[in-house]
Amino acid sequence: MNVRNSRLAALALATGVLCACDPAVVPEVITPPALQTARVERDASGACFGRDVTPAVIETRTEQVMVSPAVLGPDGTVLSPASFQTVTRQQIVRERQEVLFETVCPEDLTPAFIAALQRALAARGFYIGPITALMDLRTKRAIQLYQRQRGHDTPILDIRTARELGLVAVPRDDLGN
């Protein structure tokens, strides 16, 4: 498959447009990391933990650097103006990291739980839409937006968030804190 055909096929898939393309061209669908199913693991006690990757943060700085200074005449007139060059530098501010955190176990994400989650997020202005009881993209985006404001930028429901929303019981040991 040539580059032009693969780009057209990707554009057609991304925009939902049907086109009369070469039937021999079958586009490869690649799910971006942000939309892939998260990995949830169990520890020895049966608690579930989610793994998420926080991307690297790269800062780009563009500045003007003087290549040659202005040349002035004896009377102070500018004989030749200064010349500058644009220099762009990138610096990694925060490295990519894999984060492990406690999460709600998959078998506990029942339709009733997800509907309650959607209502809790809607009550706080993070979820807009019908209560579907489905862990769809709209629900995941609402979870991520809510958690991002609390320093955890992931669409995977953190157990801390579930407790804060009143969806999971707080352990008795934590009640005194």
Protein backbone atom coordinates (compact mmCIF):
# COMPACT_ATOMS: atom_id res chain seq x y z
CA MET A 1 0.00 0.00 0.00
CA ASN A 2 1.47 3.34 -0.94
CA VAL A 3 1.60 6.29 1.46
CA ARG A 4 -1.11 8.26 -0.35
CA ASN A 5 -3.62 5.37 -0.24
CA SER A 6 -2.93 4.68 3.43
CA ARG A 7 -3.47 8.34 4.30
CA LEU A 8 -6.73 8.45 2.35
CA ALA A 9 -7.94 5.26 4.02
CA ALA A 10 -7.04 6.63 7.46
CA LEU A 11 -8.84 9.91 6.68
CA ALA A 12 -11.93 8.03 5.51
CA LEU A 13 -11.96 5.95 8.70
CA ALA A 14 -11.36 8.94 10.95
CA THR A 15 -14.12 11.03 9.39
CA GLY A 16 -16.56 8.18 8.88
CA VAL A 17 -16.72 8.90 5.15
CA LEU A 18 -17.32 6.06 2.75
CA CYS A 19 -15.43 6.27 -0.49
CA ALA A 20 -15.01 4.23 -3.62
CA CYS A 21 -11.43 3.25 -2.95
CA ASP A 22 -9.40 0.46 -4.43
CA PRO A 23 -10.98 -2.74 -2.98
CA ALA A 24 -7.50 -4.22 -2.60
CA VAL A 25 -6.66 -1.47 -0.11
CA VAL A 26 -7.67 -2.61 3.36
CA PRO A 27 -6.76 0.04 5.92
CA GLU A 28 -5.08 -1.09 9.12
CA VAL A 29 -6.91 0.25 12.17
CA ILE A 30 -4.57 1.30 14.93
CA THR A 31 -6.01 2.24 18.30
CA PRO A 32 -4.13 5.15 19.88
CA PRO A 33 -2.71 4.41 23.37
CA ALA A 34 -5.18 6.79 25.04
CA LEU A 35 -8.12 4.70 23.77
CA GLN A 36 -6.74 1.23 24.35
CA THR A 37 -8.15 -0.94 27.09
CA ALA A 38 -6.25 -0.31 30.28
CA ARG A 39 -4.42 -3.09 32.02
CA VAL A 40 -5.86 -4.00 35.39
CA GLU A 41 -3.97 -6.43 37.59
CA ARG A 42 -4.68 -8.05 40.94
CA ASP A 43 -2.32 -8.32 43.87
CA ALA A 44 -2.15 -11.23 46.33
CA SER A 45 -4.95 -9.76 48.48
CA GLY A 46 -7.33 -9.50 45.49
CA ALA A 47 -7.14 -5.70 45.15
CA CYS A 48 -7.13 -4.36 41.59
CA PHE A 49 -4.51 -1.99 40.25
CA GLY A 50 -4.54 -0.04 37.02
CA ARG A 51 -1.46 0.77 34.99
CA ASP A 52 -1.35 4.01 33.09
CA VAL A 53 1.39 5.83 31.27
CA THR A 54 1.81 9.54 31.75
CA PRO A 55 3.36 11.06 28.65
CA ALA A 56 6.55 13.05 28.72
CA VAL A 57 6.10 16.81 28.92
CA ILE A 58 8.26 18.61 26.40
CA GLU A 59 8.75 22.36 26.48
CA THR A 60 9.61 24.15 23.25
CA ARG A 61 11.33 27.52 23.45
CA THR A 62 11.90 29.78 20.50
CA GLU A 63 14.18 32.76 20.88
CA GLN A 64 16.02 35.29 18.76
CA VAL A 65 19.81 35.03 19.07
CA MET A 66 22.07 37.84 17.84
CA VAL A 67 24.40 36.54 15.14
CA SER A 68 26.22 39.84 14.58
CA PRO A 69 25.88 43.16 16.40
CA ALA A 70 24.97 46.41 14.69
CA VAL A 71 27.84 48.35 13.15
CA LEU A 72 27.75 52.02 14.06
CA GLY A 73 29.50 54.89 12.33
CA PRO A 74 31.63 57.44 14.21
CA ASP A 75 28.64 59.78 14.40
CA GLY A 76 26.38 57.01 15.86
CA THR A 77 24.45 56.22 12.70
CA VAL A 78 23.72 52.58 11.98
CA LEU A 79 25.88 51.42 9.11
CA SER A 80 24.76 47.79 9.33
CA PRO A 81 21.87 46.59 11.53
CA ALA A 82 22.28 43.68 13.89
CA SER A 83 21.32 40.31 12.47
CA PHE A 84 19.42 37.70 14.41
CA GLN A 85 18.66 34.03 14.00
CA THR A 86 15.62 32.17 15.31
CA VAL A 87 16.65 29.21 17.48
CA THR A 88 14.14 26.61 18.66
CA ARG A 89 15.06 24.25 21.49
CA GLN A 90 13.09 21.43 23.04
CA GLN A 91 13.59 20.21 26.58
CA ILE A 92 11.94 17.32 28.42
CA VAL A 93 10.40 18.84 31.55
CA ARG A 94 8.96 15.55 32.85
CA GLU A 95 9.91 12.07 31.70
CA ARG A 96 7.31 9.51 30.58
CA GLN A 97 6.24 7.43 33.58
CA GLU A 98 4.26 4.29 34.19
CA VAL A 99 1.91 4.80 37.12
CA LEU A 100 0.37 2.00 39.20
CA PHE A 101 -2.73 2.86 41.26
CA GLU A 102 -5.57 1.07 42.99
CA THR A 103 -8.74 0.94 40.92
CA VAL A 104 -12.21 -0.56 40.96
CA CYS A 105 -12.09 -4.21 39.87
CA PRO A 106 -13.65 -4.94 36.45
CA GLU A 107 -16.33 -7.25 37.87
CA ASP A 108 -17.51 -4.38 40.12
CA LEU A 109 -18.11 -2.11 37.12
CA THR A 110 -21.69 -3.30 36.75
CA PRO A 111 -24.28 -1.33 34.76
CA ALA A 112 -25.75 -0.07 38.06
CA PHE A 113 -22.31 1.09 39.26
CA ILE A 114 -21.56 2.84 35.94
CA ALA A 115 -24.98 4.55 35.97
CA ALA A 116 -24.29 5.80 39.51
CA LEU A 117 -20.85 6.98 38.37
CA GLN A 118 -22.40 8.89 35.45
CA ARG A 119 -24.95 10.50 37.78
CA ALA A 120 -22.22 11.48 40.29
CA LEU A 121 -20.08 13.02 37.55
CA ALA A 122 -23.13 14.76 36.02
CA ALA A 123 -24.05 16.25 39.41
CA ARG A 124 -20.56 17.80 39.52
CA GLY A 125 -20.76 19.07 35.92
CA PHE A 126 -18.26 16.62 34.39
CA TYR A 127 -20.58 14.24 32.54
CA ILE A 128 -23.02 15.64 30.02
CA GLY A 129 -25.32 13.23 28.28
CA PRO A 130 -27.79 10.45 28.93
CA ILE A 131 -27.28 7.94 31.73
CA THR A 132 -26.45 4.88 29.62
CA ALA A 133 -24.85 2.58 32.25
CA LEU A 134 -22.09 1.96 29.69
CA MET A 135 -18.40 2.67 30.20
CA ASP A 136 -18.23 4.52 26.90
CA LEU A 137 -15.82 7.17 25.63
CA ARG A 138 -17.99 10.00 27.03
CA THR A 139 -17.88 8.43 30.52
CA LYS A 140 -14.11 7.84 30.33
CA ARG A 141 -13.53 11.44 29.27
CA ALA A 142 -15.61 12.68 32.20
CA ILE A 143 -13.63 10.46 34.60
CA GLN A 144 -10.35 11.75 33.18
CA LEU A 145 -11.43 15.40 33.39
CA TYR A 146 -12.58 14.95 37.00
CA GLN A 147 -9.39 13.11 38.02
CA ARG A 148 -7.11 15.51 36.08
CA GLN A 149 -8.22 18.32 38.39
CA ARG A 150 -7.07 16.15 41.30
CA GLY A 151 -3.64 15.42 39.85
CA HIS A 152 -4.32 12.02 38.27
CA ASP A 153 -4.74 12.36 34.50
CA THR A 154 -6.24 9.02 33.43
CA PRO A 155 -9.60 7.70 32.16
CA ILE A 156 -9.23 4.67 34.47
CA LEU A 157 -11.39 5.11 37.57
CA ASP A 158 -9.08 5.48 40.56
CA ILE A 159 -10.38 3.94 43.82
CA ARG A 160 -9.76 7.30 45.51
CA THR A 161 -12.10 8.99 43.03
CA ALA A 162 -14.74 6.28 43.46
CA ARG A 163 -14.64 6.83 47.23
CA GLU A 164 -14.75 10.60 46.83
CA LEU A 165 -17.83 10.26 44.63
CA GLY A 166 -19.49 8.02 47.22
CA LEU A 167 -19.48 4.93 45.01
CA VAL A 168 -17.14 2.73 47.06
CA ALA A 169 -17.06 2.37 50.83
CA VAL A 170 -14.24 4.08 52.69
CA PRO A 171 -12.23 1.58 54.80
CA ARG A 172 -12.90 1.88 58.55
CA ASP A 173 -9.18 2.63 59.14
CA ASP A 174 -9.45 5.74 56.94
CA LEU A 175 -12.46 7.20 58.76
CA GLY A 176 -10.40 8.75 61.54
CA ASN A 177 -8.10 10.61 59.12
